[in-house]
């Protein structure tokens, strides 16, 4: 299963809005729109896994954590993020982490 977290990004939201317009006009079927979204999920997950090499270090106070369905969720307070040349301080951040090794190749999963 390709994770669907990136559908809430600007790119994912724009894609969903345009697909909805195409369904309403009726230029495509809802099934085709779903297939496009599934392909988007697989492509964005693959691109991030293969092309992103930046590392960020962060520290903060752990507020809460949860592990459910192979997904870790952490809420941190008073965080400090450091990249090579940048330093950012934030009051609160939520980190969602998934095991990328469990993604399947079946688009209907």
PDB file of N, CA and C in Angstrom:
ATOM      1  N   UNK A   1       0.834  -1.183   0.000  1.00  0.00           N
ATOM      2  CA  UNK A   1       0.000   0.000   0.000  1.00  0.00           C
ATOM      3  C   UNK A   1       0.874   1.240   0.000  1.00  0.00           C
ATOM      4  N   UNK A   2       0.630   2.135  -0.920  1.00  0.00           N
ATOM      5  CA  UNK A   2       1.337   3.412  -0.924  1.00  0.00           C
ATOM      6  C   UNK A   2       0.615   4.345   0.050  1.00  0.00           C
ATOM      7  N   UNK A   3       1.399   4.978   0.900  1.00  0.00           N
ATOM      8  CA  UNK A   3       0.792   5.859   1.892  1.00  0.00           C
ATOM      9  C   UNK A   3       0.212   7.098   1.234  1.00  0.00           C
ATOM     10  N   UNK A   4      -0.892   7.594   1.773  1.00  0.00           N
ATOM     11  CA  UNK A   4      -1.643   8.688   1.172  1.00  0.00           C
ATOM     12  C   UNK A   4      -1.430  10.017   1.886  1.00  0.00           C
ATOM     13  N   UNK A   5      -0.348  10.133   2.685  1.00  0.00           N
ATOM     14  CA  UNK A   5      -0.119  11.356   3.449  1.00  0.00           C
ATOM     15  C   UNK A   5       0.034  12.579   2.563  1.00  0.00           C
ATOM     16  N   UNK A   6       0.584  12.402   1.383  1.00  0.00           N
ATOM     17  CA  UNK A   6       0.942  13.542   0.547  1.00  0.00           C
ATOM     18  C   UNK A   6      -0.236  14.080  -0.254  1.00  0.00           C
ATOM     19  N   UNK A   7      -1.389  13.473  -0.110  1.00  0.00           N
ATOM     20  CA  UNK A   7      -2.587  14.022  -0.753  1.00  0.00           C
ATOM     21  C   UNK A   7      -3.007  15.333  -0.101  1.00  0.00           C
ATOM     22  N   UNK A   8      -2.564  15.585   1.127  1.00  0.00           N
ATOM     23  CA  UNK A   8      -2.919  16.833   1.812  1.00  0.00           C
ATOM     24  C   UNK A   8      -1.919  17.954   1.549  1.00  0.00           C
ATOM     25  N   UNK A   9      -0.925  17.716   0.698  1.00  0.00           N
ATOM     26  CA  UNK A   9       0.003  18.776   0.321  1.00  0.00           C
ATOM     27  C   UNK A   9      -0.659  19.675  -0.716  1.00  0.00           C
ATOM     28  N   UNK A  10      -0.022  20.779  -1.035  1.00  0.00           N
ATOM     29  CA  UNK A  10      -0.560  21.684  -2.056  1.00  0.00           C
ATOM     30  C   UNK A  10      -0.720  20.960  -3.383  1.00  0.00           C
ATOM     31  N   UNK A  11       0.276  20.185  -3.757  1.00  0.00           N
ATOM     32  CA  UNK A  11       0.212  19.446  -5.016  1.00  0.00           C
ATOM     33  C   UNK A  11      -0.908  18.412  -4.998  1.00  0.00           C
ATOM     34  N   UNK A  12      -1.025  17.658  -3.916  1.00  0.00           N
ATOM     35  CA  UNK A  12      -2.069  16.650  -3.814  1.00  0.00           C
ATOM     36  C   UNK A  12      -3.465  17.251  -3.799  1.00  0.00           C
ATOM     37  N   UNK A  13      -3.629  18.338  -3.075  1.00  0.00           N
ATOM     38  CA  UNK A  13      -4.929  19.012  -3.021  1.00  0.00           C
ATOM     39  C   UNK A  13      -5.319  19.559  -4.386  1.00  0.00           C
ATOM     40  N   UNK A  14      -4.363  20.171  -5.082  1.00  0.00           N
ATOM     41  CA  UNK A  14      -4.634  20.707  -6.422  1.00  0.00           C
ATOM     42  C   UNK A  14      -5.027  19.590  -7.382  1.00  0.00           C
ATOM     43  N   UNK A  15      -4.329  18.465  -7.304  1.00  0.00           N
ATOM     44  CA  UNK A  15      -4.662  17.326  -8.154  1.00  0.00           C
ATOM     45  C   UNK A  15      -6.077  16.837  -7.870  1.00  0.00           C
ATOM     46  N   UNK A  16      -6.444  16.711  -6.609  1.00  0.00           N
ATOM     47  CA  UNK A  16      -7.777  16.233  -6.252  1.00  0.00           C
ATOM     48  C   UNK A  16      -8.865  17.195  -6.717  1.00  0.00           C
ATOM     49  N   UNK A  17      -8.605  18.504  -6.596  1.00  0.00           N
ATOM     50  CA  UNK A  17      -9.591  19.495  -7.051  1.00  0.00           C
ATOM     51  C   UNK A  17      -9.800  19.408  -8.557  1.00  0.00           C
ATOM     52  N   UNK A  18      -8.707  19.277  -9.309  1.00  0.00           N
ATOM     53  CA  UNK A  18      -8.814  19.192 -10.769  1.00  0.00           C
ATOM     54  C   UNK A  18      -9.504  17.896 -11.181  1.00  0.00           C
ATOM     55  N   UNK A  19      -9.197  16.799 -10.516  1.00  0.00           N
ATOM     56  CA  UNK A  19      -9.873  15.533 -10.824  1.00  0.00           C
ATOM     57  C   UNK A  19     -11.372  15.635 -10.558  1.00  0.00           C
ATOM     58  N   UNK A  20     -11.737  16.314  -9.474  1.00  0.00           N
ATOM     59  CA  UNK A  20     -13.159  16.503  -9.166  1.00  0.00           C
ATOM     60  C   UNK A  20     -13.849  17.317 -10.260  1.00  0.00           C
ATOM     61  N   UNK A  21     -13.166  18.349 -10.779  1.00  0.00           N
ATOM     62  CA  UNK A  21     -13.726  19.141 -11.882  1.00  0.00           C
ATOM     63  C   UNK A  21     -13.929  18.269 -13.118  1.00  0.00           C
ATOM     64  N   UNK A  22     -12.961  17.412 -13.414  1.00  0.00           N
ATOM     65  CA  UNK A  22     -13.071  16.535 -14.579  1.00  0.00           C
ATOM     66  C   UNK A  22     -14.190  15.512 -14.415  1.00  0.00           C
ATOM     67  N   UNK A  23     -14.412  15.049 -13.191  1.00  0.00           N
ATOM     68  CA  UNK A  23     -15.520  14.124 -12.935  1.00  0.00           C
ATOM     69  C   UNK A  23     -16.852  14.845 -13.117  1.00  0.00           C
ATOM     70  N   UNK A  24     -16.962  16.075 -12.615  1.00  0.00           N
ATOM     71  CA  UNK A  24     -18.211  16.836 -12.689  1.00  0.00           C
ATOM     72  C   UNK A  24     -18.562  17.233 -14.122  1.00  0.00           C
ATOM     73  N   UNK A  25     -17.539  17.373 -14.977  1.00  0.00           N
ATOM     74  CA  UNK A  25     -17.804  17.889 -16.320  1.00  0.00           C
ATOM     75  C   UNK A  25     -18.316  16.891 -17.352  1.00  0.00           C
ATOM     76  N   UNK A  26     -18.537  15.772 -17.260  1.00  0.00           N
ATOM     77  CA  UNK A  26     -17.926  14.459 -17.070  1.00  0.00           C
ATOM     78  C   UNK A  26     -16.916  14.111 -18.166  1.00  0.00           C
ATOM     79  N   UNK A  27     -15.671  14.420 -17.908  1.00  0.00           N
ATOM     80  CA  UNK A  27     -14.598  14.085 -18.846  1.00  0.00           C
ATOM     81  C   UNK A  27     -13.873  12.806 -18.445  1.00  0.00           C
ATOM     82  N   UNK A  28     -13.932  12.456 -17.156  1.00  0.00           N
ATOM     83  CA  UNK A  28     -13.357  11.191 -16.689  1.00  0.00           C
ATOM     84  C   UNK A  28     -14.328  10.541 -15.708  1.00  0.00           C
ATOM     85  N   UNK A  29     -14.120   9.269 -15.464  1.00  0.00           N
ATOM     86  CA  UNK A  29     -14.955   8.541 -14.512  1.00  0.00           C
ATOM     87  C   UNK A  29     -14.336   8.619 -13.115  1.00  0.00           C
ATOM     88  N   UNK A  30     -15.130   8.428 -12.077  1.00  0.00           N
ATOM     89  CA  UNK A  30     -14.564   8.390 -10.724  1.00  0.00           C
ATOM     90  C   UNK A  30     -13.518   7.283 -10.557  1.00  0.00           C
ATOM     91  N   UNK A  31     -13.699   6.164 -11.253  1.00  0.00           N
ATOM     92  CA  UNK A  31     -12.723   5.074 -11.164  1.00  0.00           C
ATOM     93  C   UNK A  31     -11.373   5.497 -11.731  1.00  0.00           C
ATOM     94  N   UNK A  32     -11.395   6.247 -12.836  1.00  0.00           N
ATOM     95  CA  UNK A  32     -10.147   6.735 -13.420  1.00  0.00           C
ATOM     96  C   UNK A  32      -9.477   7.741 -12.483  1.00  0.00           C
ATOM     97  N   UNK A  33     -10.263   8.599 -11.863  1.00  0.00           N
ATOM     98  CA  UNK A  33      -9.710   9.568 -10.903  1.00  0.00           C
ATOM     99  C   UNK A  33      -9.047   8.845  -9.731  1.00  0.00           C
ATOM    100  N   UNK A  34      -9.659   7.775  -9.259  1.00  0.00           N
ATOM    101  CA  UNK A  34      -9.070   6.992  -8.170  1.00  0.00           C
ATOM    102  C   UNK A  34      -7.748   6.367  -8.612  1.00  0.00           C
ATOM    103  N   UNK A  35      -7.704   5.863  -9.831  1.00  0.00           N
ATOM    104  CA  UNK A  35      -6.455   5.291 -10.346  1.00  0.00           C
ATOM    105  C   UNK A  35      -5.359   6.352 -10.448  1.00  0.00           C
ATOM    106  N   UNK A  36      -5.722   7.571 -10.848  1.00  0.00           N
ATOM    107  CA  UNK A  36      -4.750   8.669 -10.915  1.00  0.00           C
ATOM    108  C   UNK A  36      -4.220   8.976  -9.521  1.00  0.00           C
ATOM    109  N   UNK A  37      -5.093   9.034  -8.522  1.00  0.00           N
ATOM    110  CA  UNK A  37      -4.659   9.298  -7.148  1.00  0.00           C
ATOM    111  C   UNK A  37      -3.762   8.184  -6.606  1.00  0.00           C
ATOM    112  N   UNK A  38      -4.088   6.944  -6.918  1.00  0.00           N
ATOM    113  CA  UNK A  38      -3.241   5.833  -6.481  1.00  0.00           C
ATOM    114  C   UNK A  38      -1.860   5.908  -7.134  1.00  0.00           C
ATOM    115  N   UNK A  39      -1.824   6.301  -8.412  1.00  0.00           N
ATOM    116  CA  UNK A  39      -0.542   6.455  -9.094  1.00  0.00           C
ATOM    117  C   UNK A  39       0.243   7.622  -8.497  1.00  0.00           C
ATOM    118  N   UNK A  40      -0.444   8.705  -8.138  1.00  0.00           N
ATOM    119  CA  UNK A  40       0.197   9.843  -7.470  1.00  0.00           C
ATOM    120  C   UNK A  40       0.826   9.388  -6.158  1.00  0.00           C
ATOM    121  N   UNK A  41       0.085   8.603  -5.358  1.00  0.00           N
ATOM    122  CA  UNK A  41       0.605   8.099  -4.083  1.00  0.00           C
ATOM    123  C   UNK A  41       1.893   7.306  -4.292  1.00  0.00           C
ATOM    124  N   UNK A  42       1.871   6.388  -5.256  1.00  0.00           N
ATOM    125  CA  UNK A  42       3.052   5.572  -5.516  1.00  0.00           C
ATOM    126  C   UNK A  42       4.215   6.417  -6.025  1.00  0.00           C
ATOM    127  N   UNK A  43       3.940   7.351  -6.913  1.00  0.00           N
ATOM    128  CA  UNK A  43       5.008   8.161  -7.507  1.00  0.00           C
ATOM    129  C   UNK A  43       5.655   9.082  -6.476  1.00  0.00           C
ATOM    130  N   UNK A  44       4.871   9.727  -5.637  1.00  0.00           N
ATOM    131  CA  UNK A  44       5.430  10.660  -4.655  1.00  0.00           C
ATOM    132  C   UNK A  44       6.218   9.898  -3.594  1.00  0.00           C
ATOM    133  N   UNK A  45       5.718   8.751  -3.166  1.00  0.00           N
ATOM    134  CA  UNK A  45       6.451   7.938  -2.197  1.00  0.00           C
ATOM    135  C   UNK A  45       7.766   7.435  -2.781  1.00  0.00           C
ATOM    136  N   UNK A  46       7.735   6.996  -4.019  1.00  0.00           N
ATOM    137  CA  UNK A  46       8.949   6.515  -4.681  1.00  0.00           C
ATOM    138  C   UNK A  46       9.956   7.644  -4.868  1.00  0.00           C
ATOM    139  N   UNK A  47       9.494   8.801  -5.320  1.00  0.00           N
ATOM    140  CA  UNK A  47      10.403   9.931  -5.549  1.00  0.00           C
ATOM    141  C   UNK A  47      11.058  10.376  -4.247  1.00  0.00           C
ATOM    142  N   UNK A  48      10.295  10.454  -3.182  1.00  0.00           N
ATOM    143  CA  UNK A  48      10.874  10.873  -1.905  1.00  0.00           C
ATOM    144  C   UNK A  48      11.873   9.843  -1.383  1.00  0.00           C
ATOM    145  N   UNK A  49      11.579   8.567  -1.574  1.00  0.00           N
ATOM    146  CA  UNK A  49      12.486   7.526  -1.095  1.00  0.00           C
ATOM    147  C   UNK A  49      13.794   7.494  -1.877  1.00  0.00           C
ATOM    148  N   UNK A  50      13.737   7.787  -3.169  1.00  0.00           N
ATOM    149  CA  UNK A  50      14.915   7.647  -4.016  1.00  0.00           C
ATOM    150  C   UNK A  50      15.702   8.933  -4.202  1.00  0.00           C
ATOM    151  N   UNK A  51      15.066  10.080  -4.139  1.00  0.00           N
ATOM    152  CA  UNK A  51      15.730  11.320  -4.533  1.00  0.00           C
ATOM    153  C   UNK A  51      16.111  12.251  -3.390  1.00  0.00           C
ATOM    154  N   UNK A  52      15.456  12.148  -2.259  1.00  0.00           N
ATOM    155  CA  UNK A  52      15.730  13.068  -1.156  1.00  0.00           C
ATOM    156  C   UNK A  52      16.875  12.522  -0.311  1.00  0.00           C
ATOM    157  N   UNK A  53      17.909  13.324  -0.152  1.00  0.00           N
ATOM    158  CA  UNK A  53      19.076  12.887   0.609  1.00  0.00           C
ATOM    159  C   UNK A  53      19.403  13.831   1.767  1.00  0.00           C
ATOM    160  N   UNK A  54      18.628  14.870   1.970  1.00  0.00           N
ATOM    161  CA  UNK A  54      18.898  15.814   3.054  1.00  0.00           C
ATOM    162  C   UNK A  54      18.615  15.175   4.402  1.00  0.00           C
ATOM    163  N   UNK A  55      19.377  15.618   5.381  1.00  0.00           N
ATOM    164  CA  UNK A  55      19.156  15.160   6.752  1.00  0.00           C
ATOM    165  C   UNK A  55      18.903  16.368   7.643  1.00  0.00           C
ATOM    166  N   UNK A  56      18.011  16.177   8.589  1.00  0.00           N
ATOM    167  CA  UNK A  56      17.697  17.219   9.558  1.00  0.00           C
ATOM    168  C   UNK A  56      17.776  16.592  10.944  1.00  0.00           C
ATOM    169  N   UNK A  57      18.472  17.259  11.844  1.00  0.00           N
ATOM    170  CA  UNK A  57      18.516  16.835  13.237  1.00  0.00           C
ATOM    171  C   UNK A  57      17.536  17.690  14.029  1.00  0.00           C
ATOM    172  N   UNK A  58      16.860  17.082  14.993  1.00  0.00           N
ATOM    173  CA  UNK A  58      15.942  17.869  15.810  1.00  0.00           C
ATOM    174  C   UNK A  58      15.952  17.352  17.234  1.00  0.00           C
ATOM    175  N   UNK A  59      15.640  18.270  18.134  1.00  0.00           N
ATOM    176  CA  UNK A  59      15.510  17.953  19.561  1.00  0.00           C
ATOM    177  C   UNK A  59      14.291  18.663  20.108  1.00  0.00           C
ATOM    178  N   UNK A  60      13.652  18.007  21.049  1.00  0.00           N
ATOM    179  CA  UNK A  60      12.493  18.600  21.689  1.00  0.00           C
ATOM    180  C   UNK A  60      12.039  17.733  22.834  1.00  0.00           C
ATOM    181  N   UNK A  61      11.037  18.193  23.519  1.00  0.00           N
ATOM    182  CA  UNK A  61      10.454  17.426  24.621  1.00  0.00           C
ATOM    183  C   UNK A  61       9.296  16.608  24.077  1.00  0.00           C
ATOM    184  N   UNK A  62       9.319  15.311  24.353  1.00  0.00           N
ATOM    185  CA  UNK A  62       8.260  14.422  23.877  1.00  0.00           C
ATOM    186  C   UNK A  62       7.004  14.656  24.700  1.00  0.00           C
ATOM    187  N   UNK A  63       5.930  15.051  24.009  1.00  0.00           N
ATOM    188  CA  UNK A  63       4.644  15.274  24.663  1.00  0.00           C
ATOM    189  C   UNK A  63       3.845  13.969  24.676  1.00  0.00           C
ATOM    190  N   UNK A  64       3.584  13.406  23.491  1.00  0.00           N
ATOM    191  CA  UNK A  64       2.860  12.142  23.386  1.00  0.00           C
ATOM    192  C   UNK A  64       3.425  11.323  22.234  1.00  0.00           C
ATOM    193  N   UNK A  65       3.186  10.023  22.284  1.00  0.00           N
ATOM    194  CA  UNK A  65       3.550   9.158  21.176  1.00  0.00           C
ATOM    195  C   UNK A  65       2.527   8.043  21.059  1.00  0.00           C
ATOM    196  N   UNK A  66       2.447   7.466  19.842  1.00  0.00           N
ATOM    197  CA  UNK A  66       1.492   6.386  19.598  1.00  0.00           C
ATOM    198  C   UNK A  66       2.013   5.520  18.463  1.00  0.00           C
ATOM    199  N   UNK A  67       1.769   4.224  18.535  1.00  0.00           N
ATOM    200  CA  UNK A  67       2.104   3.281  17.478  1.00  0.00           C
ATOM    201  C   UNK A  67       0.854   2.497  17.136  1.00  0.00           C
ATOM    202  N   UNK A  68       0.379   2.654  15.905  1.00  0.00           N
ATOM    203  CA  UNK A  68      -0.845   1.973  15.485  1.00  0.00           C
ATOM    204  C   UNK A  68      -0.729   1.643  14.000  1.00  0.00           C
ATOM    205  N   UNK A  69      -0.999   0.405  13.631  1.00  0.00           N
ATOM    206  CA  UNK A  69      -0.960  -0.041  12.231  1.00  0.00           C
ATOM    207  C   UNK A  69       0.366   0.294  11.546  1.00  0.00           C
ATOM    208  N   UNK A  70       1.475   0.018  12.224  1.00  0.00           N
ATOM    209  CA  UNK A  70       2.822   0.272  11.702  1.00  0.00           C
ATOM    210  C   UNK A  70       3.089   1.749  11.431  1.00  0.00           C
ATOM    211  N   UNK A  71       2.397   2.637  12.122  1.00  0.00           N
ATOM    212  CA  UNK A  71       2.607   4.078  11.982  1.00  0.00           C
ATOM    213  C   UNK A  71       2.909   4.659  13.358  1.00  0.00           C
ATOM    214  N   UNK A  72       4.058   5.305  13.483  1.00  0.00           N
ATOM    215  CA  UNK A  72       4.420   6.017  14.710  1.00  0.00           C
ATOM    216  C   UNK A  72       3.972   7.464  14.578  1.00  0.00           C
ATOM    217  N   UNK A  73       3.385   7.996  15.644  1.00  0.00           N
ATOM    218  CA  UNK A  73       3.023   9.409  15.714  1.00  0.00           C
ATOM    219  C   UNK A  73       3.626   9.993  16.986  1.00  0.00           C
ATOM    220  N   UNK A  74       4.410  11.053  16.835  1.00  0.00           N
ATOM    221  CA  UNK A  74       5.038  11.731  17.960  1.00  0.00           C
ATOM    222  C   UNK A  74       4.601  13.184  17.973  1.00  0.00           C
ATOM    223  N   UNK A  75       4.303  13.721  19.137  1.00  0.00           N
ATOM    224  CA  UNK A  75       4.057  15.152  19.303  1.00  0.00           C
ATOM    225  C   UNK A  75       5.160  15.683  20.213  1.00  0.00           C
ATOM    226  N   UNK A  76       5.919  16.644  19.706  1.00  0.00           N
ATOM    227  CA  UNK A  76       7.066  17.197  20.422  1.00  0.00           C
ATOM    228  C   UNK A  76       6.824  18.666  20.717  1.00  0.00           C
ATOM    229  N   UNK A  77       7.313  19.124  21.861  1.00  0.00           N
ATOM    230  CA  UNK A  77       7.210  20.537  22.253  1.00  0.00           C
ATOM    231  C   UNK A  77       8.602  21.165  22.283  1.00  0.00           C
ATOM    232  N   UNK A  78       8.653  22.470  22.048  1.00  0.00           N
ATOM    233  CA  UNK A  78       9.892  23.255  22.106  1.00  0.00           C
ATOM    234  C   UNK A  78      11.000  22.600  21.288  1.00  0.00           C
ATOM    235  N   UNK A  79      10.763  22.458  20.005  1.00  0.00           N
ATOM    236  CA  UNK A  79      11.687  21.744  19.130  1.00  0.00           C
ATOM    237  C   UNK A  79      12.690  22.676  18.483  1.00  0.00           C
ATOM    238  N   UNK A  80      13.860  22.132  18.239  1.00  0.00           N
ATOM    239  CA  UNK A  80      14.921  22.843  17.532  1.00  0.00           C
ATOM    240  C   UNK A  80      15.359  21.959  16.375  1.00  0.00           C
ATOM    241  N   UNK A  81      15.164  22.446  15.150  1.00  0.00           N
ATOM    242  CA  UNK A  81      15.552  21.726  13.944  1.00  0.00           C
ATOM    243  C   UNK A  81      16.828  22.335  13.407  1.00  0.00           C
ATOM    244  N   UNK A  82      17.771  21.478  13.025  1.00  0.00           N
ATOM    245  CA  UNK A  82      19.038  21.956  12.491  1.00  0.00           C
ATOM    246  C   UNK A  82      19.379  21.175  11.233  1.00  0.00           C
ATOM    247  N   UNK A  83      19.549  21.934  10.143  1.00  0.00           N
ATOM    248  CA  UNK A  83      20.112  21.380   8.926  1.00  0.00           C
ATOM    249  C   UNK A  83      21.554  21.856   8.885  1.00  0.00           C
ATOM    250  N   UNK A  84      22.240  21.668   7.804  1.00  0.00           N
ATOM    251  CA  UNK A  84      23.654  22.042   7.743  1.00  0.00           C
ATOM    252  C   UNK A  84      23.856  23.523   8.051  1.00  0.00           C
ATOM    253  N   UNK A  85      23.096  24.394   7.417  1.00  0.00           N
ATOM    254  CA  UNK A  85      23.305  25.831   7.589  1.00  0.00           C
ATOM    255  C   UNK A  85      22.148  26.555   8.260  1.00  0.00           C
ATOM    256  N   UNK A  86      21.057  25.867   8.537  1.00  0.00           N
ATOM    257  CA  UNK A  86      19.875  26.528   9.082  1.00  0.00           C
ATOM    258  C   UNK A  86      19.513  25.978  10.456  1.00  0.00           C
ATOM    259  N   UNK A  87      18.891  26.849  11.254  1.00  0.00           N
ATOM    260  CA  UNK A  87      18.429  26.495  12.591  1.00  0.00           C
ATOM    261  C   UNK A  87      17.034  27.082  12.763  1.00  0.00           C
ATOM    262  N   UNK A  88      16.062  26.250  13.131  1.00  0.00           N
ATOM    263  CA  UNK A  88      14.682  26.702  13.289  1.00  0.00           C
ATOM    264  C   UNK A  88      14.171  26.204  14.632  1.00  0.00           C
ATOM    265  N   UNK A  89      13.485  27.088  15.352  1.00  0.00           N
ATOM    266  CA  UNK A  89      12.870  26.720  16.626  1.00  0.00           C
ATOM    267  C   UNK A  89      11.351  26.836  16.474  1.00  0.00           C
ATOM    268  N   UNK A  90      10.632  25.789  16.909  1.00  0.00           N
ATOM    269  CA  UNK A  90       9.171  25.783  16.846  1.00  0.00           C
ATOM    270  C   UNK A  90       8.613  25.364  18.203  1.00  0.00           C
ATOM    271  N   UNK A  91       7.378  25.790  18.482  1.00  0.00           N
ATOM    272  CA  UNK A  91       6.748  25.472  19.761  1.00  0.00           C
ATOM    273  C   UNK A  91       6.247  24.025  19.826  1.00  0.00           C
ATOM    274  N   UNK A  92       5.677  23.542  18.715  1.00  0.00           N
ATOM    275  CA  UNK A  92       5.073  22.214  18.725  1.00  0.00           C
ATOM    276  C   UNK A  92       5.142  21.624  17.323  1.00  0.00           C
ATOM    277  N   UNK A  93       5.435  20.335  17.236  1.00  0.00           N
ATOM    278  CA  UNK A  93       5.478  19.660  15.945  1.00  0.00           C
ATOM    279  C   UNK A  93       4.938  18.240  16.104  1.00  0.00           C
ATOM    280  N   UNK A  94       4.274  17.766  15.040  1.00  0.00           N
ATOM    281  CA  UNK A  94       3.760  16.397  15.004  1.00  0.00           C
ATOM    282  C   UNK A  94       4.542  15.652  13.922  1.00  0.00           C
ATOM    283  N   UNK A  95       5.116  14.522  14.295  1.00  0.00           N
ATOM    284  CA  UNK A  95       5.893  13.709  13.372  1.00  0.00           C
ATOM    285  C   UNK A  95       5.149  12.399  13.157  1.00  0.00           C
ATOM    286  N   UNK A  96       4.897  12.057  11.885  1.00  0.00           N
ATOM    287  CA  UNK A  96       4.254  10.794  11.536  1.00  0.00           C
ATOM    288  C   UNK A  96       5.259   9.998  10.723  1.00  0.00           C
ATOM    289  N   UNK A  97       5.576   8.797  11.178  1.00  0.00           N
ATOM    290  CA  UNK A  97       6.586   7.971  10.520  1.00  0.00           C
ATOM    291  C   UNK A  97       6.012   6.592  10.206  1.00  0.00           C
ATOM    292  N   UNK A  98       6.261   6.119   8.977  1.00  0.00           N
ATOM    293  CA  UNK A  98       5.771   4.825   8.525  1.00  0.00           C
ATOM    294  C   UNK A  98       6.926   3.973   8.051  1.00  0.00           C
ATOM    295  N   UNK A  99       6.728   2.675   8.084  1.00  0.00           N
ATOM    296  CA  UNK A  99       7.703   1.739   7.571  1.00  0.00           C
ATOM    297  C   UNK A  99       7.538   1.653   6.064  1.00  0.00           C
ATOM    298  N   UNK A 100       8.454   2.249   5.322  1.00  0.00           N
ATOM    299  CA  UNK A 100       8.373   2.252   3.873  1.00  0.00           C
ATOM    300  C   UNK A 100       8.607   0.899   3.248  1.00  0.00           C
ATOM    301  N   UNK A 101       9.143  -0.044   3.987  1.00  0.00           N
ATOM    302  CA  UNK A 101       9.404  -1.380   3.457  1.00  0.00           C
ATOM    303  C   UNK A 101       8.130  -2.185   3.285  1.00  0.00           C
ATOM    304  N   UNK A 102       7.049  -1.766   3.927  1.00  0.00           N
ATOM    305  CA  UNK A 102       5.798  -2.518   3.852  1.00  0.00           C
ATOM    306  C   UNK A 102       4.915  -2.090   2.692  1.00  0.00           C
ATOM    307  N   UNK A 103       5.404  -1.221   1.818  1.00  0.00           N
ATOM    308  CA  UNK A 103       4.569  -0.785   0.692  1.00  0.00           C
ATOM    309  C   UNK A 103       4.525  -1.874  -0.342  1.00  0.00           C
ATOM    310  N   UNK A 104       3.334  -2.170  -0.828  1.00  0.00           N
ATOM    311  CA  UNK A 104       3.164  -3.218  -1.842  1.00  0.00           C
ATOM    312  C   UNK A 104       3.104  -2.632  -3.226  1.00  0.00           C
ATOM    313  N   UNK A 105       3.105  -3.464  -4.226  1.00  0.00           N
ATOM    314  CA  UNK A 105       3.058  -2.997  -5.598  1.00  0.00           C
ATOM    315  C   UNK A 105       1.666  -3.091  -6.182  1.00  0.00           C
ATOM    316  N   UNK A 106       0.715  -3.647  -5.443  1.00  0.00           N
ATOM    317  CA  UNK A 106      -0.650  -3.798  -5.936  1.00  0.00           C
ATOM    318  C   UNK A 106      -1.393  -2.483  -5.763  1.00  0.00           C
ATOM    319  N   UNK A 107      -1.857  -1.849  -6.865  1.00  0.00           N
ATOM    320  CA  UNK A 107      -2.515  -0.543  -6.744  1.00  0.00           C
ATOM    321  C   UNK A 107      -3.871  -0.588  -6.073  1.00  0.00           C
ATOM    322  N   UNK A 108      -4.438  -1.766  -5.871  1.00  0.00           N
ATOM    323  CA  UNK A 108      -5.762  -1.845  -5.231  1.00  0.00           C
ATOM    324  C   UNK A 108      -5.667  -2.053  -3.737  1.00  0.00           C
ATOM    325  N   UNK A 109      -4.437  -2.129  -3.196  1.00  0.00           N
ATOM    326  CA  UNK A 109      -4.307  -2.322  -1.741  1.00  0.00           C
ATOM    327  C   UNK A 109      -4.715  -1.091  -0.993  1.00  0.00           C
TER     328      UNK A 109
END
